[in-house]
Amino acid sequence: MNPLITDGQRAWLLANGEARAVGHATDLLPIVRLFTPDAHATWLLASLDPEDGDTAYGLCDIGIGLPALGTVRLSELASIVGPLKLSVERDLYFVATRTLSEYTRLAQRNGSIID
């Protein structure tokens, strides 16, 4: 288990990753929202690579005004600490209201992930 995601989220992310790998999932709903409480970075993750179980795909916003779709390793996110020594956290109340492409379009227009 990774401290950033629950076992249920991991299973859902892996299922989406398997669907993406064979071309069946093109515009997923994000499953989990991770963020730095002290550094304005946010990740909306929609799938997990079934090969390594660590590489997540989603909308990545490191807080510099250039949110983009891409990959990030959960193990790397777990090692990040912000300027106030706070670790990356999972938004316990996040429920996706848009597809990943909609979140991306809005984030690129606004310079950061909204909601």
Protein backbone atom coordinates (compact mmCIF):
# COMPACT_ATOMS: atom_id res chain seq x y z
CA MET A 1 0.00 0.00 0.00
CA ASN A 2 1.15 3.51 -0.81
CA PRO A 3 0.40 6.12 1.86
CA LEU A 4 -0.92 8.51 -0.80
CA ILE A 5 -3.71 6.29 -2.12
CA THR A 6 -6.07 3.76 -0.59
CA ASP A 7 -6.18 0.13 -1.68
CA GLY A 8 -9.50 0.81 -3.41
CA GLN A 9 -8.07 3.77 -5.32
CA ARG A 10 -5.04 1.71 -6.28
CA ALA A 11 -7.26 -1.04 -7.73
CA TRP A 12 -9.32 1.53 -9.67
CA LEU A 13 -6.20 3.31 -10.96
CA LEU A 14 -4.68 -0.01 -12.06
CA ALA A 15 -7.90 -1.00 -13.86
CA ASN A 16 -7.83 2.33 -15.70
CA GLY A 17 -4.15 1.77 -16.48
CA GLU A 18 -4.90 -1.61 -18.01
CA ALA A 19 -7.70 -0.08 -20.10
CA ARG A 20 -5.38 2.73 -21.25
CA ALA A 21 -2.66 0.22 -22.16
CA VAL A 22 -4.96 -1.47 -24.68
CA GLY A 23 -6.55 1.76 -25.93
CA HIS A 24 -9.95 1.33 -24.29
CA ALA A 25 -9.85 4.32 -21.95
CA THR A 26 -9.34 7.65 -23.61
CA ASP A 27 -10.88 10.28 -21.33
CA LEU A 28 -11.07 9.08 -17.77
CA LEU A 29 -12.37 10.66 -14.60
CA PRO A 30 -9.58 11.44 -12.14
CA ILE A 31 -9.65 9.03 -9.20
CA VAL A 32 -7.50 10.86 -6.68
CA ARG A 33 -6.36 14.41 -6.02
CA LEU A 34 -2.97 14.86 -4.36
CA PHE A 35 -1.58 18.23 -3.29
CA THR A 36 1.14 19.98 -1.36
CA PRO A 37 -0.45 21.97 1.46
CA ASP A 38 2.40 24.48 1.42
CA ALA A 39 3.56 24.70 -2.20
CA HIS A 40 0.56 25.05 -4.60
CA ALA A 41 1.22 21.76 -6.44
CA THR A 42 -1.67 19.47 -7.39
CA TRP A 43 -2.01 16.15 -9.19
CA LEU A 44 -5.29 14.70 -10.50
CA LEU A 45 -4.49 11.06 -11.18
CA ALA A 46 -6.60 8.85 -13.42
CA SER A 47 -4.58 5.68 -13.98
CA LEU A 48 -1.62 3.66 -12.78
CA ASP A 49 0.77 1.74 -15.00
CA PRO A 50 0.00 -1.96 -14.48
CA GLU A 51 3.60 -2.88 -15.38
CA ASP A 52 5.29 -1.08 -12.48
CA GLY A 53 2.35 -0.11 -10.24
CA ASP A 54 4.08 3.19 -9.45
CA THR A 55 3.79 5.41 -12.53
CA ALA A 56 0.55 7.38 -12.48
CA TYR A 57 -0.99 9.32 -15.36
CA GLY A 58 -3.02 12.46 -14.95
CA LEU A 59 -3.04 16.22 -14.82
CA CYS A 60 0.07 17.55 -13.11
CA ASP A 61 0.35 21.11 -11.80
CA ILE A 62 3.58 21.89 -9.99
CA GLY A 63 2.46 25.41 -9.21
CA ILE A 64 4.28 27.41 -11.89
CA GLY A 65 1.30 28.13 -14.14
CA LEU A 66 1.84 25.31 -16.64
CA PRO A 67 -0.49 22.41 -15.81
CA ALA A 68 -0.15 19.50 -18.23
CA LEU A 69 -1.08 15.87 -18.73
CA GLY A 70 1.76 13.55 -17.91
CA THR A 71 3.15 10.88 -15.65
CA VAL A 72 4.52 10.97 -12.14
CA ARG A 73 5.82 8.27 -9.84
CA LEU A 74 3.88 7.82 -6.61
CA SER A 75 7.13 6.91 -4.85
CA GLU A 76 8.58 10.29 -5.85
CA LEU A 77 5.48 12.16 -4.70
CA ALA A 78 5.70 10.36 -1.35
CA SER A 79 9.22 11.74 -0.88
CA ILE A 80 8.35 15.41 -1.56
CA VAL A 81 8.31 17.90 1.29
CA GLY A 82 7.34 21.53 0.82
CA PRO A 83 8.96 24.67 2.23
CA LEU A 84 7.21 24.20 5.57
CA LYS A 85 8.31 20.52 5.66
CA LEU A 86 4.78 19.28 4.87
CA SER A 87 4.36 16.15 2.77
CA VAL A 88 2.09 15.58 -0.21
CA GLU A 89 -1.44 14.77 0.94
CA ARG A 90 -4.51 13.11 -0.54
CA ASP A 91 -7.68 15.17 -0.74
CA LEU A 92 -10.00 13.00 1.35
CA TYR A 93 -13.11 14.68 -0.07
CA PHE A 94 -12.25 14.78 -3.78
CA VAL A 95 -14.91 13.52 -6.17
CA ALA A 96 -14.31 14.20 -9.85
CA THR A 97 -16.95 16.34 -11.51
CA ARG A 98 -15.27 16.45 -14.92
CA THR A 99 -13.25 14.21 -17.21
CA LEU A 100 -9.49 14.57 -17.29
CA SER A 101 -9.64 16.46 -20.61
CA GLU A 102 -12.11 18.98 -19.15
CA TYR A 103 -9.95 19.54 -16.06
CA THR A 104 -6.94 19.98 -18.38
CA ARG A 105 -8.68 22.49 -20.63
CA LEU A 106 -9.79 24.58 -17.65
CA ALA A 107 -6.42 24.33 -15.90
CA GLN A 108 -4.50 25.44 -18.98
CA ARG A 109 -6.87 28.37 -19.45
CA ASN A 110 -6.59 29.40 -15.78
CA GLY A 111 -2.93 28.52 -15.22
CA SER A 112 -3.75 26.05 -12.42
CA ILE A 113 -6.09 23.23 -11.52
CA ILE A 114 -9.40 24.55 -10.30
CA ASP A 115 -11.80 22.87 -7.89
